[in-house]
PDB file of N, CA and C in Angstrom:
ATOM      1  N   UNK A   1     173.511   9.803 144.550  1.00  0.00           N
ATOM      2  CA  UNK A   1     172.588  10.006 143.290  1.00  0.00           C
ATOM      3  C   UNK A   1     173.240  11.026 142.598  1.00  0.00           C
ATOM      4  N   UNK A   2     174.142  11.722 143.711  1.00  0.00           N
ATOM      5  CA  UNK A   2     175.572  12.724 142.558  1.00  0.00           C
ATOM      6  C   UNK A   2     176.724  12.030 141.786  1.00  0.00           C
ATOM      7  N   UNK A   3     177.066  10.469 142.293  1.00  0.00           N
ATOM      8  CA  UNK A   3     177.779   9.587 142.039  1.00  0.00           C
ATOM      9  C   UNK A   3     177.120   8.878 140.298  1.00  0.00           C
ATOM     10  N   UNK A   4     177.551   9.256 140.154  1.00  0.00           N
ATOM     11  CA  UNK A   4     177.657   8.427 138.112  1.00  0.00           C
ATOM     12  C   UNK A   4     178.558   8.627 137.319  1.00  0.00           C
ATOM     13  N   UNK A   5     178.483   7.244 136.733  1.00  0.00           N
ATOM     14  CA  UNK A   5     179.734   6.728 135.647  1.00  0.00           C
ATOM     15  C   UNK A   5     179.613   7.868 134.693  1.00  0.00           C
ATOM     16  N   UNK A   6     180.985   7.974 134.210  1.00  0.00           N
ATOM     17  CA  UNK A   6     181.178   9.124 133.266  1.00  0.00           C
ATOM     18  C   UNK A   6     180.443   9.300 131.940  1.00  0.00           C
ATOM     19  N   UNK A   7     180.398   7.854 131.364  1.00  0.00           N
ATOM     20  CA  UNK A   7     180.037   7.682 130.340  1.00  0.00           C
ATOM     21  C   UNK A   7     178.383   7.568 130.288  1.00  0.00           C
ATOM     22  N   UNK A   8     177.215   7.808 131.057  1.00  0.00           N
ATOM     23  CA  UNK A   8     176.311   7.682 131.958  1.00  0.00           C
ATOM     24  C   UNK A   8     175.101   8.267 130.314  1.00  0.00           C
ATOM     25  N   UNK A   9     175.755   9.675 130.074  1.00  0.00           N
ATOM     26  CA  UNK A   9     174.868  10.183 129.061  1.00  0.00           C
ATOM     27  C   UNK A   9     174.963   9.690 128.031  1.00  0.00           C
ATOM     28  N   UNK A  10     176.342   9.464 127.244  1.00  0.00           N
ATOM     29  CA  UNK A  10     176.345   9.560 126.469  1.00  0.00           C
ATOM     30  C   UNK A  10     175.830   8.958 125.080  1.00  0.00           C
ATOM     31  N   UNK A  11     174.644   8.019 125.723  1.00  0.00           N
ATOM     32  CA  UNK A  11     174.278   6.796 124.296  1.00  0.00           C
ATOM     33  C   UNK A  11     172.795   8.069 124.096  1.00  0.00           C
ATOM     34  N   UNK A  12     172.334   8.925 124.692  1.00  0.00           N
ATOM     35  CA  UNK A  12     171.476   9.916 124.393  1.00  0.00           C
ATOM     36  C   UNK A  12     171.775  11.165 124.098  1.00  0.00           C
ATOM     37  N   UNK A  13     173.282  11.287 124.296  1.00  0.00           N
ATOM     38  CA  UNK A  13     173.903  11.938 123.435  1.00  0.00           C
ATOM     39  C   UNK A  13     174.222  11.940 121.597  1.00  0.00           C
ATOM     40  N   UNK A  14     174.626  10.385 121.720  1.00  0.00           N
ATOM     41  CA  UNK A  14     174.283   9.823 119.939  1.00  0.00           C
ATOM     42  C   UNK A  14     173.096  10.472 119.540  1.00  0.00           C
ATOM     43  N   UNK A  15     171.985   9.933 119.849  1.00  0.00           N
ATOM     44  CA  UNK A  15     170.996  10.094 119.962  1.00  0.00           C
ATOM     45  C   UNK A  15     170.440  10.958 119.509  1.00  0.00           C
ATOM     46  N   UNK A  16     170.613  12.271 120.187  1.00  0.00           N
ATOM     47  CA  UNK A  16     170.375  13.930 120.028  1.00  0.00           C
ATOM     48  C   UNK A  16     171.664  14.719 118.765  1.00  0.00           C
ATOM     49  N   UNK A  17     172.527  13.776 118.833  1.00  0.00           N
ATOM     50  CA  UNK A  17     173.007  13.880 118.184  1.00  0.00           C
ATOM     51  C   UNK A  17     172.326  13.783 116.342  1.00  0.00           C
ATOM     52  N   UNK A  18     172.137  13.055 116.317  1.00  0.00           N
ATOM     53  CA  UNK A  18     171.779  12.070 114.967  1.00  0.00           C
ATOM     54  C   UNK A  18     170.408  12.717 114.291  1.00  0.00           C
ATOM     55  N   UNK A  19     169.434  13.777 115.286  1.00  0.00           N
ATOM     56  CA  UNK A  19     168.407  14.201 115.544  1.00  0.00           C
ATOM     57  C   UNK A  19     168.020  15.533 115.437  1.00  0.00           C
ATOM     58  N   UNK A  20     169.461  15.753 115.629  1.00  0.00           N
ATOM     59  CA  UNK A  20     169.794  17.289 115.280  1.00  0.00           C
ATOM     60  C   UNK A  20     169.881  17.795 113.729  1.00  0.00           C
ATOM     61  N   UNK A  21     170.337  16.887 112.987  1.00  0.00           N
ATOM     62  CA  UNK A  21     170.284  17.399 111.660  1.00  0.00           C
ATOM     63  C   UNK A  21     169.667  16.706 110.594  1.00  0.00           C
ATOM     64  N   UNK A  22     168.484  15.957 111.414  1.00  0.00           N
ATOM     65  CA  UNK A  22     167.143  16.046 110.263  1.00  0.00           C
ATOM     66  C   UNK A  22     165.891  16.523 110.270  1.00  0.00           C
ATOM     67  N   UNK A  23     165.473  17.238 109.080  1.00  0.00           N
ATOM     68  CA  UNK A  23     163.763  18.423 109.824  1.00  0.00           C
ATOM     69  C   UNK A  23     162.474  17.008 109.257  1.00  0.00           C
ATOM     70  N   UNK A  24     162.325  15.916 109.987  1.00  0.00           N
ATOM     71  CA  UNK A  24     161.774  15.186 109.465  1.00  0.00           C
ATOM     72  C   UNK A  24     160.594  15.048 110.860  1.00  0.00           C
ATOM     73  N   UNK A  25     159.122  14.976 110.770  1.00  0.00           N
ATOM     74  CA  UNK A  25     158.426  14.686 112.251  1.00  0.00           C
ATOM     75  C   UNK A  25     158.785  12.988 112.550  1.00  0.00           C
ATOM     76  N   UNK A  26     158.640  11.961 111.746  1.00  0.00           N
ATOM     77  CA  UNK A  26     159.089  11.085 112.303  1.00  0.00           C
ATOM     78  C   UNK A  26     160.627  10.869 111.655  1.00  0.00           C
ATOM     79  N   UNK A  27     161.230   9.511 112.706  1.00  0.00           N
ATOM     80  CA  UNK A  27     162.766   9.049 112.672  1.00  0.00           C
ATOM     81  C   UNK A  27     162.909   7.989 112.686  1.00  0.00           C
ATOM     82  N   UNK A  28     162.773   7.418 111.569  1.00  0.00           N
ATOM     83  CA  UNK A  28     162.757   5.348 111.530  1.00  0.00           C
ATOM     84  C   UNK A  28     163.592   5.223 112.222  1.00  0.00           C
ATOM     85  N   UNK A  29     163.946   3.483 112.733  1.00  0.00           N
ATOM     86  CA  UNK A  29     165.173   3.177 113.033  1.00  0.00           C
ATOM     87  C   UNK A  29     165.363   2.194 112.757  1.00  0.00           C
ATOM     88  N   UNK A  30     167.034   1.622 112.631  1.00  0.00           N
ATOM     89  CA  UNK A  30     166.996   0.325 112.834  1.00  0.00           C
ATOM     90  C   UNK A  30     166.268  -0.659 113.399  1.00  0.00           C
ATOM     91  N   UNK A  31     166.668  -2.038 113.229  1.00  0.00           N
ATOM     92  CA  UNK A  31     166.233  -2.920 114.730  1.00  0.00           C
ATOM     93  C   UNK A  31     167.694  -3.275 115.381  1.00  0.00           C
ATOM     94  N   UNK A  32     168.415  -1.901 116.355  1.00  0.00           N
ATOM     95  CA  UNK A  32     169.703  -2.263 116.408  1.00  0.00           C
ATOM     96  C   UNK A  32     169.227  -1.363 117.804  1.00  0.00           C
ATOM     97  N   UNK A  33     169.345  -2.755 119.084  1.00  0.00           N
ATOM     98  CA  UNK A  33     168.366  -1.768 120.401  1.00  0.00           C
ATOM     99  C   UNK A  33     169.536  -1.686 120.875  1.00  0.00           C
ATOM    100  N   UNK A  34     169.620  -0.232 121.897  1.00  0.00           N
ATOM    101  CA  UNK A  34     171.270   0.148 122.821  1.00  0.00           C
ATOM    102  C   UNK A  34     170.014   0.132 123.758  1.00  0.00           C
ATOM    103  N   UNK A  35     170.670  -1.141 125.105  1.00  0.00           N
ATOM    104  CA  UNK A  35     169.979  -1.053 125.960  1.00  0.00           C
ATOM    105  C   UNK A  35     171.214  -0.550 127.219  1.00  0.00           C
ATOM    106  N   UNK A  36     171.087  -0.115 128.116  1.00  0.00           N
ATOM    107  CA  UNK A  36     172.276   0.307 129.008  1.00  0.00           C
ATOM    108  C   UNK A  36     171.344   0.583 130.098  1.00  0.00           C
ATOM    109  N   UNK A  37     172.076   0.367 131.483  1.00  0.00           N
ATOM    110  CA  UNK A  37     171.732   0.343 132.686  1.00  0.00           C
ATOM    111  C   UNK A  37     172.714   0.599 133.447  1.00  0.00           C
ATOM    112  N   UNK A  38     173.372   1.816 134.401  1.00  0.00           N
ATOM    113  CA  UNK A  38     174.488   2.344 135.095  1.00  0.00           C
ATOM    114  C   UNK A  38     174.721   1.247 135.692  1.00  0.00           C
ATOM    115  N   UNK A  39     173.631   0.211 136.525  1.00  0.00           N
ATOM    116  CA  UNK A  39     173.890  -0.753 137.566  1.00  0.00           C
ATOM    117  C   UNK A  39     174.623  -2.358 136.680  1.00  0.00           C
ATOM    118  N   UNK A  40     174.488  -1.169 135.611  1.00  0.00           N
ATOM    119  CA  UNK A  40     175.479  -2.920 134.820  1.00  0.00           C
ATOM    120  C   UNK A  40     176.504  -2.538 135.248  1.00  0.00           C
ATOM    121  N   UNK A  41     177.722  -1.224 135.741  1.00  0.00           N
ATOM    122  CA  UNK A  41     179.236  -1.280 135.308  1.00  0.00           C
ATOM    123  C   UNK A  41     179.370  -0.281 136.506  1.00  0.00           C
ATOM    124  N   UNK A  42     179.103  -1.108 137.237  1.00  0.00           N
ATOM    125  CA  UNK A  42     179.423  -0.665 138.461  1.00  0.00           C
ATOM    126  C   UNK A  42     180.925  -0.615 138.778  1.00  0.00           C
ATOM    127  N   UNK A  43     181.286  -2.183 138.568  1.00  0.00           N
ATOM    128  CA  UNK A  43     183.003  -2.987 138.436  1.00  0.00           C
ATOM    129  C   UNK A  43     183.631  -1.503 138.015  1.00  0.00           C
ATOM    130  N   UNK A  44     182.914  -1.050 136.281  1.00  0.00           N
ATOM    131  CA  UNK A  44     184.198  -0.423 135.706  1.00  0.00           C
ATOM    132  C   UNK A  44     184.410   1.434 136.561  1.00  0.00           C
ATOM    133  N   UNK A  45     182.800   2.286 137.297  1.00  0.00           N
ATOM    134  CA  UNK A  45     183.066   2.561 137.849  1.00  0.00           C
ATOM    135  C   UNK A  45     184.000   2.883 139.290  1.00  0.00           C
ATOM    136  N   UNK A  46     184.240   1.893 139.621  1.00  0.00           N
ATOM    137  CA  UNK A  46     184.996   1.246 140.576  1.00  0.00           C
ATOM    138  C   UNK A  46     186.329   1.314 140.696  1.00  0.00           C
ATOM    139  N   UNK A  47     186.711   1.194 139.963  1.00  0.00           N
ATOM    140  CA  UNK A  47     188.095   1.228 139.168  1.00  0.00           C
ATOM    141  C   UNK A  47     188.893   2.741 138.919  1.00  0.00           C
ATOM    142  N   UNK A  48     187.164   3.530 138.084  1.00  0.00           N
ATOM    143  CA  UNK A  48     187.778   4.462 137.743  1.00  0.00           C
ATOM    144  C   UNK A  48     188.459   5.783 139.051  1.00  0.00           C
ATOM    145  N   UNK A  49     187.576   5.341 140.344  1.00  0.00           N
ATOM    146  CA  UNK A  49     187.720   6.189 141.457  1.00  0.00           C
ATOM    147  C   UNK A  49     188.873   5.935 141.963  1.00  0.00           C
TER     148      UNK A  49
END
């Protein structure tokens, strides 16, 4: 559990950054989905080690 990829929390940072400047109760979203699972990038993580 201690090992993780460097960009694991990158998507969460982007969403938090966008919502920080908006003062509305509901934030409408476009039809774009960001789907990421840490298991998809295991080979990249091994290369960086």
